[in-house]
Amino acid sequence: MNLKELFALFLRMVGVLGIIIIVRHALASVPIETVPVFVIVKWVIGVLVGLYFIRGAPLLVKFAFPAST
């Protein structure tokens, strides 16, 4: 594995761990009816970022390794 692939793998692991943490926090919180809207928006944004990282974050990898093709 070259450095680019290791970096992409690391981003995928961060994405999986991030989603696990967000879901655990969401399930451990108070009932959904009493959670403020901004907290729900924060959870949704966190999950979307996690999913982007799970996909390998191609733009971030391209930014970190511009010379590689």
N, C-alpha and C. Protein backbone atom coordinates (compact mmCIF):
# COMPACT_ATOMS: atom_id res chain seq x y z
N MET A 1 0.85 -1.18 0.00
CA MET A 1 0.00 0.00 0.00
C MET A 1 0.89 1.24 0.00
N ASN A 2 0.54 2.17 -0.87
CA ASN A 2 1.29 3.41 -0.87
C ASN A 2 0.66 4.41 0.11
N LEU A 3 1.28 5.56 0.24
CA LEU A 3 0.85 6.55 1.22
C LEU A 3 -0.56 7.06 0.93
N LYS A 4 -0.88 7.23 -0.32
CA LYS A 4 -2.21 7.72 -0.70
C LYS A 4 -3.31 6.75 -0.26
N GLU A 5 -3.08 5.47 -0.46
CA GLU A 5 -4.07 4.46 -0.06
C GLU A 5 -4.19 4.37 1.45
N LEU A 6 -3.07 4.51 2.16
CA LEU A 6 -3.12 4.50 3.63
C LEU A 6 -3.88 5.70 4.17
N PHE A 7 -3.68 6.85 3.55
CA PHE A 7 -4.40 8.05 3.97
C PHE A 7 -5.91 7.88 3.74
N ALA A 8 -6.29 7.33 2.60
CA ALA A 8 -7.70 7.08 2.31
C ALA A 8 -8.28 6.06 3.29
N LEU A 9 -7.52 5.04 3.64
CA LEU A 9 -7.96 4.05 4.62
C LEU A 9 -8.16 4.69 5.99
N PHE A 10 -7.23 5.56 6.38
CA PHE A 10 -7.35 6.27 7.65
C PHE A 10 -8.62 7.13 7.66
N LEU A 11 -8.91 7.82 6.57
CA LEU A 11 -10.12 8.64 6.50
C LEU A 11 -11.37 7.79 6.61
N ARG A 12 -11.35 6.61 6.01
CA ARG A 12 -12.51 5.71 6.12
C ARG A 12 -12.71 5.26 7.56
N MET A 13 -11.61 4.97 8.24
CA MET A 13 -11.73 4.55 9.65
C MET A 13 -12.25 5.69 10.51
N VAL A 14 -11.79 6.90 10.26
CA VAL A 14 -12.29 8.06 11.00
C VAL A 14 -13.78 8.24 10.73
N GLY A 15 -14.21 8.03 9.50
CA GLY A 15 -15.62 8.15 9.16
C GLY A 15 -16.48 7.13 9.89
N VAL A 16 -16.03 5.90 9.93
CA VAL A 16 -16.79 4.85 10.63
C VAL A 16 -16.86 5.15 12.13
N LEU A 17 -15.73 5.50 12.72
CA LEU A 17 -15.74 5.82 14.15
C LEU A 17 -16.59 7.05 14.45
N GLY A 18 -16.54 8.03 13.58
CA GLY A 18 -17.36 9.23 13.78
C GLY A 18 -18.84 8.93 13.75
N ILE A 19 -19.27 8.11 12.81
CA ILE A 19 -20.69 7.75 12.74
C ILE A 19 -21.10 6.93 13.95
N ILE A 20 -20.24 6.03 14.39
CA ILE A 20 -20.56 5.24 15.59
C ILE A 20 -20.75 6.15 16.79
N ILE A 21 -19.86 7.11 16.96
CA ILE A 21 -19.96 8.03 18.10
C ILE A 21 -21.23 8.87 18.01
N ILE A 22 -21.55 9.38 16.83
CA ILE A 22 -22.75 10.20 16.67
C ILE A 22 -24.01 9.39 16.95
N VAL A 23 -24.07 8.18 16.43
CA VAL A 23 -25.26 7.34 16.64
C VAL A 23 -25.39 6.97 18.12
N ARG A 24 -24.28 6.63 18.77
CA ARG A 24 -24.35 6.31 20.20
C ARG A 24 -24.82 7.50 21.00
N HIS A 25 -24.32 8.68 20.66
CA HIS A 25 -24.74 9.90 21.36
C HIS A 25 -26.22 10.19 21.12
N ALA A 26 -26.67 9.98 19.90
CA ALA A 26 -28.07 10.24 19.57
C ALA A 26 -28.99 9.27 20.31
N LEU A 27 -28.59 8.01 20.40
CA LEU A 27 -29.43 7.02 21.07
C LEU A 27 -29.43 7.21 22.59
N ALA A 28 -28.35 7.75 23.13
CA ALA A 28 -28.26 7.92 24.58
C ALA A 28 -28.90 9.22 25.05
N SER A 29 -29.26 10.09 24.13
CA SER A 29 -29.82 11.38 24.53
C SER A 29 -31.30 11.23 24.89
N VAL A 30 -31.87 12.33 25.25
CA VAL A 30 -33.28 12.36 25.63
C VAL A 30 -34.15 12.03 24.42
N PRO A 31 -35.43 11.78 24.64
CA PRO A 31 -36.31 11.46 23.50
C PRO A 31 -36.25 12.52 22.41
N ILE A 32 -36.43 12.08 21.18
CA ILE A 32 -36.24 12.94 20.02
C ILE A 32 -37.18 14.14 20.00
N GLU A 33 -38.32 14.05 20.67
CA GLU A 33 -39.27 15.16 20.66
C GLU A 33 -38.72 16.37 21.43
N THR A 34 -37.85 16.13 22.41
CA THR A 34 -37.37 17.22 23.23
C THR A 34 -35.98 17.72 22.83
N VAL A 35 -35.39 17.13 21.80
CA VAL A 35 -34.06 17.56 21.34
C VAL A 35 -34.23 18.80 20.47
N PRO A 36 -33.45 19.85 20.74
CA PRO A 36 -33.55 21.05 19.90
C PRO A 36 -33.16 20.77 18.45
N VAL A 37 -33.69 21.58 17.56
CA VAL A 37 -33.48 21.37 16.13
C VAL A 37 -32.00 21.47 15.77
N PHE A 38 -31.27 22.40 16.38
CA PHE A 38 -29.86 22.57 16.02
C PHE A 38 -29.04 21.33 16.37
N VAL A 39 -29.44 20.58 17.38
CA VAL A 39 -28.72 19.34 17.73
C VAL A 39 -28.97 18.28 16.65
N ILE A 40 -30.19 18.20 16.18
CA ILE A 40 -30.51 17.25 15.12
C ILE A 40 -29.76 17.61 13.85
N VAL A 41 -29.67 18.90 13.53
CA VAL A 41 -28.93 19.35 12.36
C VAL A 41 -27.45 19.00 12.51
N LYS A 42 -26.91 19.17 13.72
CA LYS A 42 -25.51 18.82 13.97
C LYS A 42 -25.28 17.33 13.77
N TRP A 43 -26.23 16.49 14.21
CA TRP A 43 -26.10 15.05 14.01
C TRP A 43 -26.12 14.71 12.52
N VAL A 44 -27.03 15.32 11.79
CA VAL A 44 -27.15 15.03 10.35
C VAL A 44 -25.87 15.45 9.63
N ILE A 45 -25.35 16.63 9.95
CA ILE A 45 -24.11 17.07 9.32
C ILE A 45 -22.95 16.14 9.67
N GLY A 46 -22.89 15.70 10.91
CA GLY A 46 -21.85 14.77 11.33
C GLY A 46 -21.93 13.45 10.58
N VAL A 47 -23.13 12.94 10.40
CA VAL A 47 -23.30 11.68 9.67
C VAL A 47 -22.92 11.86 8.21
N LEU A 48 -23.28 12.99 7.61
CA LEU A 48 -22.92 13.23 6.21
C LEU A 48 -21.40 13.33 6.04
N VAL A 49 -20.73 14.00 6.95
CA VAL A 49 -19.27 14.08 6.89
C VAL A 49 -18.66 12.69 7.07
N GLY A 50 -19.21 11.91 8.01
CA GLY A 50 -18.74 10.55 8.20
C GLY A 50 -18.92 9.69 6.96
N LEU A 51 -20.06 9.83 6.30
CA LEU A 51 -20.28 9.06 5.07
C LEU A 51 -19.32 9.49 3.96
N TYR A 52 -19.02 10.78 3.90
CA TYR A 52 -18.04 11.26 2.92
C TYR A 52 -16.67 10.66 3.20
N PHE A 53 -16.30 10.59 4.47
CA PHE A 53 -15.02 9.99 4.83
C PHE A 53 -15.02 8.50 4.52
N ILE A 54 -16.14 7.81 4.73
CA ILE A 54 -16.22 6.38 4.43
C ILE A 54 -16.05 6.14 2.93
N ARG A 55 -16.53 7.06 2.11
CA ARG A 55 -16.35 6.94 0.66
C ARG A 55 -14.90 7.15 0.26
N GLY A 56 -14.05 7.60 1.19
CA GLY A 56 -12.64 7.78 0.89
C GLY A 56 -12.25 9.24 0.75
N ALA A 57 -13.19 10.16 0.85
CA ALA A 57 -12.95 11.60 0.75
C ALA A 57 -12.04 11.92 -0.43
N PRO A 58 -12.51 11.67 -1.65
CA PRO A 58 -11.63 11.82 -2.81
C PRO A 58 -11.05 13.23 -2.98
N LEU A 59 -11.82 14.27 -2.68
CA LEU A 59 -11.29 15.62 -2.82
C LEU A 59 -10.19 15.90 -1.79
N LEU A 60 -10.37 15.39 -0.60
CA LEU A 60 -9.36 15.58 0.45
C LEU A 60 -8.08 14.82 0.11
N VAL A 61 -8.21 13.61 -0.40
CA VAL A 61 -7.05 12.83 -0.80
C VAL A 61 -6.34 13.51 -1.98
N LYS A 62 -7.11 14.03 -2.92
CA LYS A 62 -6.52 14.71 -4.06
C LYS A 62 -5.79 15.98 -3.61
N PHE A 63 -6.33 16.67 -2.61
CA PHE A 63 -5.68 17.86 -2.08
C PHE A 63 -4.39 17.49 -1.35
N ALA A 64 -4.41 16.40 -0.61
CA ALA A 64 -3.23 15.99 0.17
C ALA A 64 -2.14 15.42 -0.73
N PHE A 65 -2.51 14.80 -1.83
CA PHE A 65 -1.54 14.19 -2.76
C PHE A 65 -1.80 14.70 -4.17
N PRO A 66 -1.45 15.96 -4.47
CA PRO A 66 -1.80 16.53 -5.78
C PRO A 66 -1.01 15.95 -6.94
N ALA A 67 0.23 15.52 -6.71
CA ALA A 67 1.05 15.03 -7.82
C ALA A 67 0.67 13.62 -8.24
N SER A 68 0.06 12.85 -7.35
CA SER A 68 -0.30 11.47 -7.65
C SER A 68 -1.50 11.44 -8.59
N THR A 69 -1.55 10.44 -9.45
CA THR A 69 -2.70 10.30 -10.35
C THR A 69 -3.41 9.01 -10.08
